[in-house]
Protein backbone atom coordinates (compact mmCIF):
# COMPACT_ATOMS: atom_id res chain seq x y z
CA UNK A 1 23.94 10.94 0.66
CA UNK A 2 21.36 8.30 1.57
CA UNK A 3 20.49 6.39 -1.60
CA UNK A 4 18.01 3.60 -2.30
CA UNK A 5 17.54 1.31 -5.28
CA UNK A 6 13.87 0.37 -5.56
CA UNK A 7 13.20 -2.79 -7.53
CA UNK A 8 10.09 -1.96 -9.56
CA UNK A 9 10.57 -3.92 -12.76
CA UNK A 10 8.78 -7.16 -11.95
CA UNK A 11 6.05 -8.46 -14.24
CA UNK A 12 3.55 -8.77 -11.41
CA UNK A 13 2.16 -11.92 -13.04
CA UNK A 14 0.09 -12.98 -10.03
CA UNK A 15 -1.69 -9.61 -9.84
CA UNK A 16 -2.10 -8.86 -13.54
CA UNK A 17 -5.73 -9.96 -13.64
CA UNK A 18 -6.51 -7.47 -10.84
CA UNK A 19 -4.49 -4.49 -12.09
CA UNK A 20 -3.91 -5.21 -15.80
CA UNK A 21 -3.01 -1.64 -16.77
CA UNK A 22 -0.64 -0.78 -13.94
CA UNK A 23 2.80 -1.82 -12.72
CA UNK A 24 2.53 -3.70 -9.44
CA UNK A 25 3.98 -0.78 -7.46
CA UNK A 26 0.98 1.35 -8.44
CA UNK A 27 -1.64 -1.23 -7.46
CA UNK A 28 -4.32 0.68 -5.53
CA UNK A 29 -4.59 0.16 -1.78
CA UNK A 30 -7.65 1.94 -0.41
CA UNK A 31 -7.59 4.30 -3.37
CA UNK A 32 -3.89 5.15 -3.07
CA UNK A 33 -1.05 3.59 -5.08
CA UNK A 34 0.96 1.13 -2.99
CA UNK A 35 4.09 3.06 -3.86
CA UNK A 36 2.71 6.16 -2.16
CA UNK A 37 2.80 4.44 1.23
CA UNK A 38 6.32 3.27 0.54
CA UNK A 39 7.59 6.69 -0.53
CA UNK A 40 6.07 8.36 2.53
CA UNK A 41 8.09 5.92 4.62
CA UNK A 42 11.32 6.41 2.66
CA UNK A 43 11.02 10.20 2.75
CA UNK A 44 10.57 10.01 6.53
CA UNK A 45 13.71 7.83 6.62
CA UNK A 46 15.61 10.69 4.92
CA UNK A 47 16.38 8.90 1.67
CA UNK A 48 17.77 11.59 -0.65
CA UNK A 49 18.28 9.78 -3.95
CA UNK A 50 15.67 7.33 -5.28
CA UNK A 51 16.91 4.98 -8.02
CA UNK A 52 14.08 3.03 -9.64
CA UNK A 53 14.99 -0.17 -11.45
CA UNK A 54 12.19 -0.33 -14.03
CA UNK A 55 11.10 -2.56 -16.88
CA UNK A 56 7.46 -3.72 -17.11
CA UNK A 57 5.08 -0.76 -17.65
CA UNK A 58 7.90 1.62 -16.82
CA UNK A 59 6.33 4.63 -18.58
CA UNK A 60 3.28 4.53 -16.31
CA UNK A 61 5.54 4.49 -13.25
CA UNK A 62 7.74 7.33 -14.52
CA UNK A 63 4.71 9.47 -15.34
CA UNK A 64 3.22 8.92 -11.87
CA UNK A 65 6.46 9.89 -10.15
CA UNK A 66 7.07 12.98 -12.30
CA UNK A 67 3.59 14.32 -11.58
CA UNK A 68 3.30 13.46 -7.90
CA UNK A 69 6.90 13.70 -6.63
CA UNK A 70 8.71 16.44 -8.59
CA UNK A 71 10.52 17.46 -5.40
CA UNK A 72 12.39 14.15 -5.13
CA UNK A 73 15.75 13.36 -6.71
CA UNK A 74 14.86 10.36 -8.87
CA UNK A 75 16.94 8.36 -11.35
CA UNK A 76 15.86 5.44 -13.52
CA UNK A 77 17.78 2.30 -14.40
CA UNK A 78 15.81 0.92 -17.33
CA UNK A 79 15.87 -2.72 -18.41
CA UNK A 80 15.06 -3.68 -21.99
CA UNK A 81 14.39 -7.21 -20.78
CA UNK A 82 13.89 -8.25 -17.15
CA UNK A 83 17.24 -8.84 -15.45
CA UNK A 84 16.11 -10.47 -12.22
CA UNK A 85 16.76 -8.91 -8.82
CA UNK A 86 20.54 -9.20 -9.05
CA UNK A 87 20.77 -7.97 -12.62
CA UNK A 88 18.48 -5.05 -11.80
CA UNK A 89 20.66 -3.95 -8.88
CA UNK A 90 23.82 -4.26 -10.99
CA UNK A 91 22.16 -2.32 -13.83
CA UNK A 92 21.37 0.51 -11.39
CA UNK A 93 24.66 0.60 -9.53
CA UNK A 94 26.37 3.18 -11.74
CA UNK A 95 23.72 5.67 -10.60
CA UNK A 96 24.75 5.17 -6.95
CA UNK A 97 27.13 7.91 -5.82
CA UNK A 98 27.93 6.52 -2.37
CA UNK A 99 30.00 3.53 -1.30
CA UNK A 100 26.95 1.85 0.22
CA UNK A 101 23.24 1.91 -0.51
CA UNK A 102 19.89 0.38 0.40
CA UNK A 103 17.70 -1.88 -1.71
CA UNK A 104 13.92 -2.14 -1.38
CA UNK A 105 11.29 -4.15 -3.23
CA UNK A 106 8.48 -2.00 -4.64
CA UNK A 107 5.82 -4.55 -3.68
CA UNK A 108 6.87 -4.93 -0.02
CA UNK A 109 6.09 -2.67 2.93
CA UNK A 110 8.37 -3.20 5.92
CA UNK A 111 8.84 0.19 7.65
CA UNK A 112 12.00 -0.50 9.61
CA UNK A 113 14.40 2.11 10.99
CA UNK A 114 17.09 2.09 8.32
CA UNK A 115 19.45 4.06 10.57
CA UNK A 116 19.56 0.95 12.77
CA UNK A 117 20.16 -1.30 9.76
CA UNK A 118 23.05 0.86 8.56
CA UNK A 119 24.69 1.23 11.98
CA UNK A 120 24.40 -2.50 12.68
CA UNK A 121 26.00 -3.34 9.34
CA UNK A 122 28.87 -0.93 9.90
CA UNK A 123 29.50 -2.05 13.49
CA UNK A 124 29.63 -5.73 12.40
CA UNK A 125 31.56 -5.05 9.17
CA UNK A 126 28.85 -6.71 7.09
CA UNK A 127 29.16 -6.21 3.34
CA UNK A 128 25.50 -7.09 3.03
CA UNK A 129 23.03 -6.77 5.88
CA UNK A 130 19.49 -8.10 5.53
CA UNK A 131 16.51 -6.79 7.47
CA UNK A 132 14.78 -9.92 8.74
CA UNK A 133 11.55 -10.61 10.60
CA UNK A 134 10.34 -13.40 12.82
CA UNK A 135 7.22 -14.98 11.35
CA UNK A 136 4.88 -17.72 12.51
CA UNK A 137 4.15 -20.24 9.76
CA UNK A 138 6.25 -18.54 7.08
CA UNK A 139 5.01 -20.90 4.38
CA UNK A 140 5.27 -18.38 1.53
CA UNK A 141 8.84 -17.47 2.29
CA UNK A 142 12.19 -19.11 2.63
CA UNK A 143 13.89 -18.60 5.97
CA UNK A 144 17.40 -17.65 7.04
CA UNK A 145 19.71 -19.15 9.63
CA UNK A 146 22.32 -17.14 11.50
CA UNK A 147 24.77 -17.53 14.36
CA UNK A 148 25.17 -15.64 17.64
CA UNK A 149 27.08 -12.87 15.82
CA UNK A 150 24.13 -12.42 13.44
CA UNK A 151 26.20 -13.67 10.52
CA UNK A 152 24.01 -15.64 8.13
CA UNK A 153 24.95 -19.31 7.92
CA UNK A 154 22.26 -20.63 5.61
CA UNK A 155 19.12 -20.08 3.57
CA UNK A 156 16.26 -22.57 3.69
CA UNK A 157 13.72 -23.19 0.94
CA UNK A 158 10.03 -22.67 1.55
CA UNK A 159 8.85 -25.34 3.94
CA UNK A 160 5.97 -26.15 6.26
CA UNK A 161 7.51 -25.03 9.53
CA UNK A 162 5.92 -23.46 12.58
CA UNK A 163 8.13 -20.38 12.76
CA UNK A 164 11.30 -18.83 11.43
CA UNK A 165 13.08 -15.68 10.32
CA UNK A 166 12.32 -14.46 6.82
CA UNK A 167 14.27 -12.18 4.52
CA UNK A 168 12.32 -8.90 4.69
CA UNK A 169 13.55 -7.74 1.29
CA UNK A 170 15.48 -4.71 2.56
CA UNK A 171 19.26 -4.68 2.21
CA UNK A 172 22.21 -2.51 3.17
CA UNK A 173 24.92 -3.26 0.58
CA UNK A 174 28.52 -2.24 0.10
CA UNK A 175 28.97 -1.23 -3.53
CA UNK A 176 32.24 -3.10 -4.06
CA UNK A 177 30.64 -6.55 -3.83
CA UNK A 178 29.50 -6.15 -7.46
CA UNK A 179 32.97 -5.32 -8.82
CA UNK A 180 33.48 -8.75 -10.37
CA UNK A 181 30.01 -9.04 -11.95
CA UNK A 182 29.24 -8.51 -15.64
CA UNK A 183 26.34 -6.26 -16.52
CA UNK A 184 23.31 -6.98 -18.70
CA UNK A 185 23.03 -10.53 -17.44
CA UNK A 186 19.93 -11.70 -15.66
CA UNK A 187 20.50 -13.26 -12.26
CA UNK A 188 18.83 -13.56 -8.88
CA UNK A 189 20.34 -11.57 -6.04
CA UNK A 190 18.98 -14.10 -3.57
CA UNK A 191 19.92 -17.35 -5.33
CA UNK A 192 22.93 -16.41 -7.42
CA UNK A 193 24.67 -14.03 -5.04
CA UNK A 194 23.53 -14.38 -1.42
CA UNK A 195 23.51 -18.17 -1.42
CA UNK A 196 26.55 -18.71 -3.61
CA UNK A 197 28.70 -16.04 -1.91
CA UNK A 198 27.62 -16.93 1.61
CA UNK A 199 31.06 -18.20 2.59
CA UNK A 200 33.14 -15.56 0.81
CA UNK A 201 31.21 -12.39 1.70
CA UNK A 202 30.41 -11.14 5.18
CA UNK A 203 26.61 -11.32 5.10
CA UNK A 204 24.59 -10.61 8.23
CA UNK A 205 21.12 -9.83 9.44
CA UNK A 206 19.33 -7.69 11.98
CA UNK A 207 15.86 -8.59 13.21
CA UNK A 208 13.00 -6.09 13.15
CA UNK A 209 9.50 -6.53 14.55
CA UNK A 210 7.79 -3.95 12.34
CA UNK A 211 4.65 -4.54 10.30
CA UNK A 212 5.38 -6.53 7.14
CA UNK A 213 3.38 -7.26 4.00
CA UNK A 214 4.24 -8.33 0.46
CA UNK A 215 1.37 -7.61 -1.98
CA UNK A 216 2.76 -9.90 -4.66
CA UNK A 217 -0.04 -12.47 -4.36
CA UNK A 218 -3.79 -12.01 -4.55
CA UNK A 219 -4.55 -13.01 -0.96
CA UNK A 220 -2.11 -10.54 0.56
CA UNK A 221 -3.12 -7.81 -1.88
CA UNK A 222 -6.71 -8.04 -0.64
CA UNK A 223 -5.55 -8.32 2.96
CA UNK A 224 -3.56 -5.11 2.52
CA UNK A 225 -6.77 -3.20 1.77
CA UNK A 226 -7.79 -3.70 5.41
CA UNK A 227 -4.40 -3.70 7.08
CA UNK A 228 -3.37 -0.40 5.53
CA UNK A 229 -6.35 1.44 6.96
CA UNK A 230 -4.28 2.04 10.09
CA UNK A 231 -1.79 3.98 7.96
CA UNK A 232 -4.47 6.15 6.41
CA UNK A 233 -4.17 9.81 7.04
CA UNK A 234 -5.76 12.88 5.62
CA UNK A 235 -3.74 14.26 2.76
CA UNK A 236 -4.74 17.89 2.73
CA UNK A 237 -2.59 20.18 0.65
CA UNK A 238 -1.09 23.37 1.99
CA UNK A 239 0.37 26.36 0.21
CA UNK A 240 3.19 28.00 2.17
CA UNK A 241 4.03 31.55 1.13
CA UNK A 242 7.04 33.60 2.05
CA UNK A 243 6.06 37.23 2.59
CA UNK A 244 8.62 39.79 1.39
CA UNK A 245 9.28 39.40 -2.33
CA UNK A 246 6.40 36.96 -2.76
CA UNK A 247 3.30 38.65 -1.34
CA UNK A 248 4.61 42.20 -1.06
CA UNK A 249 7.35 44.00 -2.96
CA UNK A 250 10.74 43.58 -1.34
CA UNK A 251 12.32 46.59 0.36
CA UNK A 252 16.01 46.03 -0.34
CA UNK A 253 18.13 46.15 2.85
CA UNK A 254 15.12 47.37 4.81
CA UNK A 255 12.02 46.15 6.64
CA UNK A 256 8.34 46.93 6.27
CA UNK A 257 7.85 49.04 9.38
CA UNK A 258 4.25 50.16 8.84
CA UNK A 259 1.36 49.60 6.47
CA UNK A 260 2.28 52.56 4.28
CA UNK A 261 5.50 50.74 3.32
CA UNK A 262 3.65 47.54 2.34
CA UNK A 263 2.87 47.19 -1.38
CA UNK A 264 1.28 44.03 -2.79
CA UNK A 265 3.01 42.41 -5.76
CA UNK A 266 0.94 42.89 -8.91
CA UNK A 267 0.37 39.16 -9.49
CA UNK A 268 -1.01 38.79 -5.96
CA UNK A 269 -4.00 40.86 -7.00
CA UNK A 270 -4.52 39.12 -10.32
CA UNK A 271 -3.46 35.47 -9.92
CA UNK A 272 -2.92 34.32 -6.32
CA UNK A 273 -6.57 33.52 -5.64
CA UNK A 274 -6.61 31.02 -8.51
CA UNK A 275 -3.47 29.32 -7.18
CA UNK A 276 -4.88 29.14 -3.65
CA UNK A 277 -8.04 27.42 -4.92
CA UNK A 278 -6.01 24.22 -5.39
CA UNK A 279 -5.11 24.03 -1.69
CA UNK A 280 -6.87 23.26 1.58
CA UNK A 281 -4.70 25.59 3.66
CA UNK A 282 -2.72 28.75 2.90
CA UNK A 283 0.02 29.81 5.33
CA UNK A 284 2.43 32.71 5.43
CA UNK A 285 5.93 31.74 6.67
CA UNK A 286 8.20 34.74 7.24
CA UNK A 287 11.46 35.67 8.98
CA UNK A 288 11.08 38.97 10.85
CA UNK A 289 14.24 39.60 12.86
CA UNK A 290 13.28 43.29 12.80
CA UNK A 291 11.46 42.54 16.07
CA UNK A 292 14.52 41.45 18.05
CA UNK A 293 16.48 44.24 16.36
CA UNK A 294 14.00 46.62 17.98
CA UNK A 295 12.94 48.18 14.68
CA UNK A 296 9.26 47.35 15.24
CA UNK A 297 7.34 45.58 17.98
CA UNK A 298 5.42 42.34 17.67
CA UNK A 299 2.18 44.33 18.09
CA UNK A 300 3.15 46.54 15.17
CA UNK A 301 3.94 43.49 13.06
CA UNK A 302 0.56 41.96 13.98
CA UNK A 303 -1.13 45.16 12.80
CA UNK A 304 0.68 44.99 9.45
CA UNK A 305 -0.31 41.36 9.08
CA UNK A 306 -3.94 42.08 9.89
CA UNK A 307 -4.01 44.73 7.17
CA UNK A 308 -2.32 42.27 4.83
CA UNK A 309 -4.89 39.61 5.64
CA UNK A 310 -7.77 41.99 4.89
CA UNK A 311 -6.15 43.09 1.65
CA UNK A 312 -5.66 39.50 0.54
CA UNK A 313 -9.27 38.68 1.36
CA UNK A 314 -10.35 41.49 -0.96
CA UNK A 315 -8.42 39.67 -3.74
CA UNK A 316 -10.12 36.37 -2.91
CA UNK A 317 -7.21 34.94 -0.90
CA UNK A 318 -7.95 33.55 2.57
CA UNK A 319 -4.95 33.02 4.82
CA UNK A 320 -5.30 30.14 7.26
CA UNK A 321 -2.54 31.30 9.62
CA UNK A 322 0.57 33.48 9.65
CA UNK A 323 3.80 32.20 11.22
CA UNK A 324 6.81 34.43 11.79
CA UNK A 325 10.20 34.10 13.41
CA UNK A 326 11.18 37.20 15.45
CA UNK A 327 14.71 35.99 16.28
CA UNK A 328 18.03 37.36 15.14
CA UNK A 329 19.81 35.31 12.51
CA UNK A 330 22.79 35.06 14.87
CA UNK A 331 20.72 33.11 17.42
CA UNK A 332 20.53 30.07 15.10
CA UNK A 333 17.03 29.21 16.27
CA UNK A 334 15.03 26.27 14.91
CA UNK A 335 12.21 28.41 13.53
CA UNK A 336 14.12 30.83 11.32
CA UNK A 337 14.41 29.73 7.70
CA UNK A 338 16.38 27.89 6.33
CA UNK A 339 15.31 25.76 9.30
CA UNK A 340 11.85 24.25 9.10
CA UNK A 341 10.52 25.11 12.56
CA UNK A 342 7.62 27.25 11.34
CA UNK A 343 6.51 24.56 8.89
CA UNK A 344 6.70 21.93 11.61
CA UNK A 345 4.62 24.20 13.85
CA UNK A 346 2.00 24.41 11.10
CA UNK A 347 1.96 20.61 10.89
CA UNK A 348 1.36 20.43 14.65
CA UNK A 349 -1.49 22.91 14.38
CA UNK A 350 -2.97 21.21 11.31
CA UNK A 351 -1.91 17.54 11.55
CA UNK A 352 -3.95 16.47 8.53
CA UNK A 353 -1.77 18.40 6.09
CA UNK A 354 0.66 16.43 3.95
CA UNK A 355 4.05 18.03 3.36
CA UNK A 356 4.61 15.80 0.33
CA UNK A 357 1.55 17.24 -1.41
CA UNK A 358 2.18 20.83 -0.32
CA UNK A 359 3.99 23.67 -2.06
CA UNK A 360 6.26 26.39 -0.67
CA UNK A 361 6.75 29.54 -2.74
CA UNK A 362 9.72 31.67 -1.74
CA UNK A 363 12.21 34.11 -3.24
CA UNK A 364 15.38 33.07 -1.41
CA UNK A 365 17.64 30.07 -0.92
CA UNK A 366 16.54 29.84 2.71
CA UNK A 367 12.91 29.36 1.63
CA UNK A 368 13.82 26.53 -0.72
CA UNK A 369 16.03 24.87 1.92
CA UNK A 370 13.22 24.95 4.49
CA UNK A 371 10.81 23.41 1.99
CA UNK A 372 13.20 20.60 1.14
CA UNK A 373 13.81 19.76 4.80
CA UNK A 374 10.19 18.66 5.22
CA UNK A 375 9.65 17.29 1.70
CA UNK A 376 7.51 20.13 0.32
CA UNK A 377 7.49 20.89 -3.38
CA UNK A 378 9.57 24.07 -3.66
CA UNK A 379 8.86 26.98 -6.00
CA UNK A 380 11.37 29.78 -6.45
CA UNK A 381 9.83 33.14 -7.35
CA UNK A 382 12.17 35.44 -9.25
CA UNK A 383 12.10 39.24 -9.27
CA UNK A 384 14.48 42.08 -10.04
CA UNK A 385 16.14 41.99 -6.61
CA UNK A 386 16.96 38.27 -6.30
CA UNK A 387 18.85 37.57 -9.52
CA UNK A 388 21.58 35.74 -7.55
CA UNK A 389 19.13 33.40 -5.80
CA UNK A 390 18.83 29.65 -6.45
CA UNK A 391 22.42 29.15 -7.63
CA UNK A 392 23.42 27.04 -4.62
CA UNK A 393 20.08 25.26 -4.23
CA UNK A 394 17.58 24.47 -6.96
CA UNK A 395 13.83 24.76 -6.44
CA UNK A 396 11.59 22.15 -8.03
CA UNK A 397 9.98 24.89 -10.11
CA UNK A 398 10.93 28.46 -10.92
CA UNK A 399 8.39 31.20 -11.73
CA UNK A 400 8.26 34.94 -12.26
CA UNK A 401 4.55 35.28 -11.50
CA UNK A 402 1.88 33.11 -9.92
CA UNK A 403 0.10 32.53 -13.21
CA UNK A 404 2.99 30.33 -14.38
CA UNK A 405 2.22 27.86 -11.59
CA UNK A 406 -1.24 27.11 -12.95
CA UNK A 407 0.12 24.76 -15.58
CA UNK A 408 1.92 22.72 -12.89
CA UNK A 409 -1.06 22.50 -10.53
CA UNK A 410 -3.50 21.43 -13.25
CA UNK A 411 -1.38 18.59 -14.67
């Protein structure tokens, strides 16, 4: 499991006059919380467990994450008093399930490839590996020195130098390095561990040339408002709907072979239009191996779907596009759920949709698995024929009818 501790407990003293009511991680950048950019990056990097080390204004941060990222696996390591960077990591370490983990600072954006960081650390047997960056005139930052094997040999205080390599604030760390440390003591990871243990631990670095910014001071916070415009993207929300068992009543151990066998679920008629009003796009995502089985043709399926589309329109539901996989389950194709090929195809067709802000409603484990693969918020819909569903994989929300989802969407 890929796990990350995110240090989000700082007081943010130098930005408090600009964002007095928010933790620094939620400081707005072009109308979006800074943390949103960071989480988009970490989700893309396949982080599976997010451990937030929190202290100052922690309730605001927890509320934001619970509302906007219910699909993520999030834990909190809470500090009654600030513990410094080292104390915060140590306070969070019991929540780490793996033998190694990553650490990020919640006020720094440095979108490196963490696969490369991890592989480099493992290949060089580093117990700690720091993501570093070459910087011209790194006056705000201390710099690091390292040998030809990329092992760090020294840390230099802030100085007026023309260029150097700075600590980018991202670490790959072996868990056992903290075995001898006592908890609930404040200490600096940089000063009290990296510098002091430099000769006893195997500490290395790998250089990245990616964009870097730390919004911890006023000048860089304002600069970020312009620099982050290149990361702006439309964040349109999509609703992905499975078909059988969600839109129409499930035919157990059978397929809908013609329109006469298609019966809308009762809540589709009464409640689906209201749910769809919260979304920019509405897609149907359905496995239909009945085509390759030769039970119906693709033309016959298209006819059923056209009738379905017209019926939904009469209920006030407008379908943007229907995607289906015709392949046999035995072919192990990329498009058949639980794989995410049909969702990825929708993203290609509608590149302004945001998976992180989209919902997938399905009635099977394969639906929930497909949603989780792209970071969608997953909703499991229960009915009389899927009582064994969702035991091996848990959806973010579980409903019996669409009306129950209203409360979630209006929070």
